[in-house]
Each structure stands twice: as C-alpha cells, then as structure tokens.
Amino acid sequence: MIDLLTIFVLAVFVGFEVVSKVSTILHTPLMSGANAIHGVILVGAILITGSAESTLELVLGLLAVFLATVNVVGGFVVTDRMLEMFKR
C-alpha cells in the first residue's frame, strides 16, 4: 500500500511540474491529446464496471465512469473556448 501511495504522490508532483512549465501556445494541442487519453480511460472504466462482481466494485466503477465523463466533457469545453480565442 505504501508503494502505491508513493507512486501516486510522485505522479502528482511530476504532473504538476510538467503542466506548469508548458507554454500557453501549446495548451490547445495538449488538451486535444489529453481528451483522447481520457476517452480511452472512459472506455476502460466502462469495461471494468461491466465486469464488476461486488457492490463495491460496481460503485467504484460507476464513480470512475462519471468522473471520466466529466473530465472528457470539461476538456472539450476548455479546448473549444481556447480555439474561440484564435478566431477573428
């Protein structure tokens, strides 16, 4: 358990540093790539939820599906707003 917590904390720090160092001009392409990754995560969450064997697995799977959906939709909204800034 402590190994997983250590990996999670390191991933949070690395992710924060990587995202905070990205220049403004690259945010839109990175958001598009992130949306694609989150779409794959959403499909994975749906597949895992479909094979849930206990109530806890089902609840956690549905929570994962909900959060992944919110993430995908939010990513597309942010990308759309950023692309609107470049229209004349």
N, C-alpha and C. Protein backbone atom coordinates (compact mmCIF):
# COMPACT_ATOMS: atom_id res chain seq x y z
N MET A 1 0.82 -1.20 0.00
CA MET A 1 0.00 0.00 0.00
C MET A 1 0.86 1.26 0.00
N ILE A 2 1.95 1.24 0.76
CA ILE A 2 2.81 2.42 0.83
C ILE A 2 3.50 2.67 -0.52
N ASP A 3 3.77 1.58 -1.27
CA ASP A 3 4.37 1.74 -2.59
C ASP A 3 3.41 2.48 -3.52
N LEU A 4 2.14 2.12 -3.50
CA LEU A 4 1.15 2.77 -4.35
C LEU A 4 0.98 4.24 -3.97
N LEU A 5 0.98 4.53 -2.69
CA LEU A 5 0.87 5.91 -2.22
C LEU A 5 2.09 6.73 -2.66
N THR A 6 3.26 6.13 -2.57
CA THR A 6 4.48 6.82 -3.01
C THR A 6 4.43 7.13 -4.50
N ILE A 7 4.00 6.17 -5.31
CA ILE A 7 3.89 6.38 -6.75
C ILE A 7 2.87 7.47 -7.05
N PHE A 8 1.75 7.45 -6.34
CA PHE A 8 0.72 8.48 -6.55
C PHE A 8 1.25 9.87 -6.23
N VAL A 9 1.92 10.02 -5.11
CA VAL A 9 2.44 11.33 -4.71
C VAL A 9 3.49 11.81 -5.71
N LEU A 10 4.38 10.93 -6.14
CA LEU A 10 5.37 11.32 -7.14
C LEU A 10 4.72 11.70 -8.45
N ALA A 11 3.68 10.97 -8.86
CA ALA A 11 2.97 11.29 -10.10
C ALA A 11 2.31 12.66 -10.02
N VAL A 12 1.77 13.00 -8.87
CA VAL A 12 1.14 14.31 -8.69
C VAL A 12 2.18 15.42 -8.84
N PHE A 13 3.32 15.27 -8.18
CA PHE A 13 4.36 16.29 -8.28
C PHE A 13 4.90 16.41 -9.70
N VAL A 14 5.19 15.29 -10.34
CA VAL A 14 5.72 15.33 -11.71
C VAL A 14 4.69 15.93 -12.66
N GLY A 15 3.43 15.52 -12.53
CA GLY A 15 2.38 16.07 -13.37
C GLY A 15 2.22 17.57 -13.21
N PHE A 16 2.27 18.03 -11.98
CA PHE A 16 2.15 19.47 -11.72
C PHE A 16 3.32 20.23 -12.35
N GLU A 17 4.51 19.71 -12.19
CA GLU A 17 5.68 20.39 -12.76
C GLU A 17 5.63 20.41 -14.28
N VAL A 18 5.23 19.31 -14.88
CA VAL A 18 5.18 19.24 -16.34
C VAL A 18 4.13 20.20 -16.89
N VAL A 19 2.94 20.19 -16.31
CA VAL A 19 1.86 21.04 -16.81
C VAL A 19 2.15 22.52 -16.55
N SER A 20 2.75 22.84 -15.44
CA SER A 20 3.00 24.25 -15.13
C SER A 20 4.11 24.85 -16.01
N LYS A 21 4.94 24.02 -16.61
CA LYS A 21 6.04 24.52 -17.44
C LYS A 21 5.66 24.62 -18.93
N VAL A 22 4.45 24.22 -19.31
CA VAL A 22 4.04 24.25 -20.71
C VAL A 22 3.69 25.68 -21.11
N SER A 23 4.20 26.11 -22.27
CA SER A 23 3.89 27.46 -22.73
C SER A 23 2.43 27.55 -23.16
N THR A 24 1.89 28.74 -23.18
CA THR A 24 0.48 28.97 -23.48
C THR A 24 0.10 28.49 -24.87
N ILE A 25 1.00 28.63 -25.82
CA ILE A 25 0.70 28.28 -27.21
C ILE A 25 0.49 26.77 -27.37
N LEU A 26 1.03 25.97 -26.47
CA LEU A 26 0.91 24.51 -26.58
C LEU A 26 -0.29 23.93 -25.85
N HIS A 27 -1.02 24.75 -25.11
CA HIS A 27 -2.11 24.20 -24.30
C HIS A 27 -3.21 23.54 -25.13
N THR A 28 -3.59 24.14 -26.26
CA THR A 28 -4.67 23.58 -27.07
C THR A 28 -4.31 22.22 -27.64
N PRO A 29 -3.14 22.03 -28.26
CA PRO A 29 -2.81 20.68 -28.74
C PRO A 29 -2.69 19.67 -27.61
N LEU A 30 -2.16 20.10 -26.47
CA LEU A 30 -2.05 19.17 -25.35
C LEU A 30 -3.42 18.79 -24.79
N MET A 31 -4.34 19.74 -24.78
CA MET A 31 -5.70 19.43 -24.32
C MET A 31 -6.36 18.42 -25.26
N SER A 32 -6.13 18.55 -26.56
CA SER A 32 -6.70 17.61 -27.50
C SER A 32 -6.15 16.22 -27.27
N GLY A 33 -4.85 16.13 -27.05
CA GLY A 33 -4.24 14.83 -26.74
C GLY A 33 -4.74 14.27 -25.43
N ALA A 34 -4.89 15.13 -24.44
CA ALA A 34 -5.41 14.67 -23.15
C ALA A 34 -6.84 14.19 -23.27
N ASN A 35 -7.65 14.84 -24.12
CA ASN A 35 -9.02 14.39 -24.32
C ASN A 35 -9.04 12.98 -24.92
N ALA A 36 -8.13 12.71 -25.84
CA ALA A 36 -8.06 11.37 -26.43
C ALA A 36 -7.70 10.33 -25.37
N ILE A 37 -6.76 10.66 -24.51
CA ILE A 37 -6.36 9.74 -23.44
C ILE A 37 -7.52 9.53 -22.48
N HIS A 38 -8.24 10.60 -22.13
CA HIS A 38 -9.37 10.46 -21.22
C HIS A 38 -10.50 9.66 -21.84
N GLY A 39 -10.62 9.73 -23.17
CA GLY A 39 -11.62 8.89 -23.84
C GLY A 39 -11.29 7.42 -23.68
N VAL A 40 -10.01 7.08 -23.77
CA VAL A 40 -9.59 5.69 -23.56
C VAL A 40 -9.83 5.28 -22.11
N ILE A 41 -9.57 6.19 -21.19
CA ILE A 41 -9.82 5.90 -19.77
C ILE A 41 -11.30 5.66 -19.53
N LEU A 42 -12.15 6.44 -20.20
CA LEU A 42 -13.60 6.26 -20.06
C LEU A 42 -14.03 4.89 -20.57
N VAL A 43 -13.50 4.47 -21.71
CA VAL A 43 -13.83 3.14 -22.24
C VAL A 43 -13.37 2.06 -21.27
N GLY A 44 -12.17 2.22 -20.72
CA GLY A 44 -11.67 1.25 -19.73
C GLY A 44 -12.54 1.20 -18.49
N ALA A 45 -12.99 2.35 -18.02
CA ALA A 45 -13.85 2.39 -16.84
C ALA A 45 -15.18 1.70 -17.11
N ILE A 46 -15.72 1.87 -18.32
CA ILE A 46 -16.97 1.21 -18.68
C ILE A 46 -16.78 -0.30 -18.73
N LEU A 47 -15.67 -0.75 -19.32
CA LEU A 47 -15.41 -2.18 -19.40
C LEU A 47 -15.22 -2.81 -18.02
N ILE A 48 -14.49 -2.14 -17.16
CA ILE A 48 -14.26 -2.66 -15.81
C ILE A 48 -15.57 -2.68 -15.02
N THR A 49 -16.38 -1.64 -15.16
CA THR A 49 -17.65 -1.59 -14.45
C THR A 49 -18.57 -2.72 -14.92
N GLY A 50 -18.52 -3.03 -16.21
CA GLY A 50 -19.36 -4.10 -16.74
C GLY A 50 -19.01 -5.47 -16.18
N SER A 51 -17.78 -5.65 -15.72
CA SER A 51 -17.38 -6.94 -15.18
C SER A 51 -17.30 -6.94 -13.66
N ALA A 52 -17.91 -5.95 -13.02
CA ALA A 52 -17.87 -5.86 -11.55
C ALA A 52 -18.60 -7.05 -10.94
N GLU A 53 -18.02 -7.60 -9.88
CA GLU A 53 -18.60 -8.76 -9.21
C GLU A 53 -19.19 -8.43 -7.85
N SER A 54 -18.82 -7.32 -7.27
CA SER A 54 -19.37 -6.95 -5.97
C SER A 54 -19.96 -5.54 -6.05
N THR A 55 -20.70 -5.20 -5.03
CA THR A 55 -21.32 -3.88 -4.98
C THR A 55 -20.27 -2.78 -4.91
N LEU A 56 -19.22 -3.00 -4.14
CA LEU A 56 -18.16 -2.00 -4.03
C LEU A 56 -17.48 -1.77 -5.38
N GLU A 57 -17.20 -2.85 -6.11
CA GLU A 57 -16.59 -2.71 -7.43
C GLU A 57 -17.53 -1.94 -8.37
N LEU A 58 -18.82 -2.22 -8.29
CA LEU A 58 -19.79 -1.55 -9.14
C LEU A 58 -19.85 -0.05 -8.82
N VAL A 59 -19.89 0.28 -7.55
CA VAL A 59 -19.96 1.69 -7.14
C VAL A 59 -18.70 2.44 -7.56
N LEU A 60 -17.54 1.83 -7.32
CA LEU A 60 -16.28 2.47 -7.71
C LEU A 60 -16.18 2.60 -9.23
N GLY A 61 -16.65 1.59 -9.95
CA GLY A 61 -16.64 1.65 -11.41
C GLY A 61 -17.55 2.75 -11.94
N LEU A 62 -18.75 2.86 -11.37
CA LEU A 62 -19.67 3.92 -11.80
C LEU A 62 -19.11 5.30 -11.47
N LEU A 63 -18.45 5.41 -10.33
CA LEU A 63 -17.80 6.67 -9.97
C LEU A 63 -16.69 7.01 -10.98
N ALA A 64 -15.92 5.99 -11.37
CA ALA A 64 -14.87 6.20 -12.37
C ALA A 64 -15.45 6.61 -13.71
N VAL A 65 -16.56 5.99 -14.12
CA VAL A 65 -17.21 6.36 -15.37
C VAL A 65 -17.70 7.80 -15.30
N PHE A 66 -18.32 8.18 -14.19
CA PHE A 66 -18.83 9.54 -14.04
C PHE A 66 -17.70 10.56 -14.09
N LEU A 67 -16.63 10.32 -13.33
CA LEU A 67 -15.52 11.27 -13.29
C LEU A 67 -14.80 11.35 -14.64
N ALA A 68 -14.65 10.23 -15.32
CA ALA A 68 -14.01 10.25 -16.64
C ALA A 68 -14.88 11.00 -17.63
N THR A 69 -16.19 10.84 -17.54
CA THR A 69 -17.10 11.57 -18.44
C THR A 69 -17.01 13.07 -18.20
N VAL A 70 -17.02 13.46 -16.94
CA VAL A 70 -16.88 14.89 -16.60
C VAL A 70 -15.56 15.43 -17.13
N ASN A 71 -14.50 14.64 -17.01
CA ASN A 71 -13.20 15.06 -17.48
C ASN A 71 -13.16 15.24 -18.99
N VAL A 72 -13.75 14.30 -19.73
CA VAL A 72 -13.78 14.40 -21.19
C VAL A 72 -14.60 15.61 -21.63
N VAL A 73 -15.79 15.77 -21.07
CA VAL A 73 -16.65 16.89 -21.46
C VAL A 73 -15.98 18.22 -21.09
N GLY A 74 -15.41 18.30 -19.90
CA GLY A 74 -14.72 19.52 -19.49
C GLY A 74 -13.54 19.83 -20.38
N GLY A 75 -12.82 18.81 -20.79
CA GLY A 75 -11.69 19.02 -21.70
C GLY A 75 -12.13 19.58 -23.04
N PHE A 76 -13.23 19.05 -23.57
CA PHE A 76 -13.72 19.56 -24.84
C PHE A 76 -14.23 20.99 -24.70
N VAL A 77 -14.85 21.32 -23.59
CA VAL A 77 -15.33 22.68 -23.37
C VAL A 77 -14.16 23.66 -23.30
N VAL A 78 -13.12 23.28 -22.56
CA VAL A 78 -11.95 24.16 -22.44
C VAL A 78 -11.26 24.31 -23.78
N THR A 79 -11.12 23.20 -24.53
CA THR A 79 -10.50 23.27 -25.85
C THR A 79 -11.30 24.17 -26.78
N ASP A 80 -12.62 24.04 -26.74
CA ASP A 80 -13.47 24.88 -27.59
C ASP A 80 -13.32 26.35 -27.24
N ARG A 81 -13.27 26.65 -25.95
CA ARG A 81 -13.11 28.05 -25.54
C ARG A 81 -11.75 28.60 -25.97
N MET A 82 -10.73 27.76 -25.88
CA MET A 82 -9.40 28.23 -26.27
C MET A 82 -9.33 28.44 -27.79
N LEU A 83 -9.98 27.57 -28.56
CA LEU A 83 -9.99 27.74 -30.01
C LEU A 83 -10.78 28.98 -30.42
N GLU A 84 -11.78 29.36 -29.64
CA GLU A 84 -12.55 30.58 -29.92
C GLU A 84 -11.66 31.82 -29.81
N MET A 85 -10.64 31.75 -28.98
CA MET A 85 -9.75 32.90 -28.82
C MET A 85 -8.96 33.19 -30.09
N PHE A 86 -8.76 32.17 -30.94
CA PHE A 86 -7.96 32.35 -32.14
C PHE A 86 -8.80 32.72 -33.36
N LYS A 87 -10.12 32.73 -33.22
CA LYS A 87 -10.97 33.14 -34.34
C LYS A 87 -11.01 34.66 -34.43
N ARG A 88 -11.14 35.14 -35.66
CA ARG A 88 -11.17 36.59 -35.83
C ARG A 88 -12.57 37.11 -35.84
